[in-house]
Amino acid sequence: MELKKSPKADLESKKGMFGAMGLVFALAVTLVAFEWKSYDQEQIQVAARTAIDTEEEVIIQTDQSRGRRAAPPPPPPTQRNTKKRRGAKMKTSAVDIERNNRKT
């Protein structure tokens, strides 16, 4: 078969050089990306806005006296039953015996 291309148009001989140039370019882009410094400008603007845009709270006073219920009456005082019941067994102590003796 007859070759139709000239040896100057053959890029197979320059394959290694193009690969090395691509590798150097990729490394350069990666290095620049890691060294690139950026500052967050949004935080500065947000902090400046919050100081200016503060709103005062409006407190509405309402009348609560209509819905109040009357306080319940206090419970009645309890009375102690000092009379002895018949048939009921009660524990007696020395103090109780002395009180019973004084009453009679």
Protein backbone atom coordinates (compact mmCIF):
# COMPACT_ATOMS: atom_id res chain seq x y z
CA MET A 1 0.00 0.00 0.00
CA GLU A 2 1.20 3.42 -0.88
CA LEU A 3 1.60 6.13 1.81
CA LYS A 4 -0.39 9.26 1.01
CA LYS A 5 0.78 11.43 3.95
CA SER A 6 3.99 13.28 4.20
CA PRO A 7 6.32 12.61 7.17
CA LYS A 8 5.83 16.24 8.34
CA ALA A 9 2.06 15.71 8.81
CA ASP A 10 2.55 12.59 10.97
CA LEU A 11 1.82 13.52 14.63
CA GLU A 12 2.77 10.11 16.08
CA SER A 13 6.34 11.29 16.53
CA LYS A 14 5.20 14.26 18.66
CA LYS A 15 2.84 12.22 20.87
CA GLY A 16 5.12 12.29 23.94
CA MET A 17 5.65 16.05 23.76
CA PHE A 18 1.88 16.77 23.62
CA GLY A 19 1.26 14.42 26.57
CA ALA A 20 3.92 16.18 28.67
CA MET A 21 2.51 19.63 27.77
CA GLY A 22 -1.00 18.52 28.80
CA LEU A 23 0.31 17.17 32.12
CA VAL A 24 2.16 20.42 32.87
CA PHE A 25 -0.96 22.45 32.00
CA ALA A 26 -3.17 20.31 34.28
CA LEU A 27 -0.68 20.63 37.15
CA ALA A 28 -0.48 24.40 36.68
CA VAL A 29 -4.28 24.77 36.76
CA THR A 30 -4.49 22.60 39.91
CA LEU A 31 -1.77 24.60 41.66
CA VAL A 32 -3.44 27.93 40.83
CA ALA A 33 -6.81 26.61 42.04
CA PHE A 34 -5.35 25.60 45.43
CA GLU A 35 -3.48 28.88 45.89
CA TRP A 36 -6.38 31.14 44.84
CA LYS A 37 -7.59 33.29 47.73
CA SER A 38 -11.14 34.48 47.97
CA TYR A 39 -12.86 36.52 50.63
CA ASP A 40 -16.44 36.02 51.69
CA GLN A 41 -18.05 39.41 51.07
CA GLU A 42 -21.59 38.26 51.90
CA GLN A 43 -20.89 38.07 55.65
CA ILE A 44 -19.73 41.67 55.78
CA GLN A 45 -22.86 42.88 53.99
CA VAL A 46 -25.21 40.78 56.15
CA ALA A 47 -23.66 42.11 59.37
CA ALA A 48 -24.06 45.70 58.15
CA ARG A 49 -27.71 45.14 57.22
CA THR A 50 -28.77 43.57 60.50
CA ALA A 51 -27.66 46.62 62.49
CA ILE A 52 -29.72 48.95 60.32
CA ASP A 53 -32.84 46.86 59.74
CA THR A 54 -33.73 46.12 63.36
CA GLU A 55 -37.40 46.55 64.17
CA GLU A 56 -38.74 47.41 67.57
CA GLU A 57 -41.14 44.95 69.10
CA VAL A 58 -44.65 46.25 69.59
CA ILE A 59 -46.27 44.94 72.76
CA ILE A 60 -50.03 45.15 72.80
CA GLN A 61 -51.53 45.43 76.27
CA THR A 62 -54.76 43.52 76.66
CA ASP A 63 -57.37 43.64 79.41
CA GLN A 64 -57.39 40.28 81.17
CA SER A 65 -59.81 41.20 83.99
CA ARG A 66 -62.96 40.12 82.12
CA GLY A 67 -61.97 36.48 81.84
CA ARG A 68 -60.88 36.00 85.46
CA ARG A 69 -62.88 33.66 87.63
CA ALA A 70 -63.66 34.30 91.29
CA ALA A 71 -61.35 32.50 93.69
CA PRO A 72 -62.94 29.38 95.22
CA PRO A 73 -63.88 29.66 98.89
CA PRO A 74 -61.42 28.21 101.38
CA PRO A 75 -62.19 24.71 102.64
CA PRO A 76 -64.03 24.49 105.98
CA PRO A 77 -61.84 23.84 109.02
CA THR A 78 -61.70 20.23 110.16
CA GLN A 79 -62.89 19.33 113.67
CA ARG A 80 -61.26 16.64 115.71
CA ASN A 81 -63.57 14.16 117.31
CA THR A 82 -62.36 13.81 120.90
CA LYS A 83 -65.21 11.60 122.07
CA LYS A 84 -64.48 7.91 122.43
CA ARG A 85 -66.57 5.70 120.28
CA ARG A 86 -68.00 2.57 121.73
CA GLY A 87 -66.57 -0.60 120.37
CA ALA A 88 -63.62 1.13 118.73
CA LYS A 89 -60.21 0.15 119.96
CA MET A 90 -57.92 3.08 120.56
CA LYS A 91 -54.29 3.05 121.43
CA THR A 92 -53.63 4.88 124.65
CA SER A 93 -50.39 6.38 125.73
CA ALA A 94 -49.31 7.78 129.04
CA VAL A 95 -50.14 11.31 127.92
CA ASP A 96 -53.69 10.31 126.93
CA ILE A 97 -54.26 8.59 130.29
CA GLU A 98 -53.16 11.72 132.16
CA ARG A 99 -55.49 13.92 130.12
CA ASN A 100 -58.43 11.61 130.79
CA ASN A 101 -57.68 11.63 134.52
CA ARG A 102 -57.63 15.42 134.67
CA LYS A 103 -60.99 15.74 132.91
CA THR A 104 -62.79 13.45 135.36
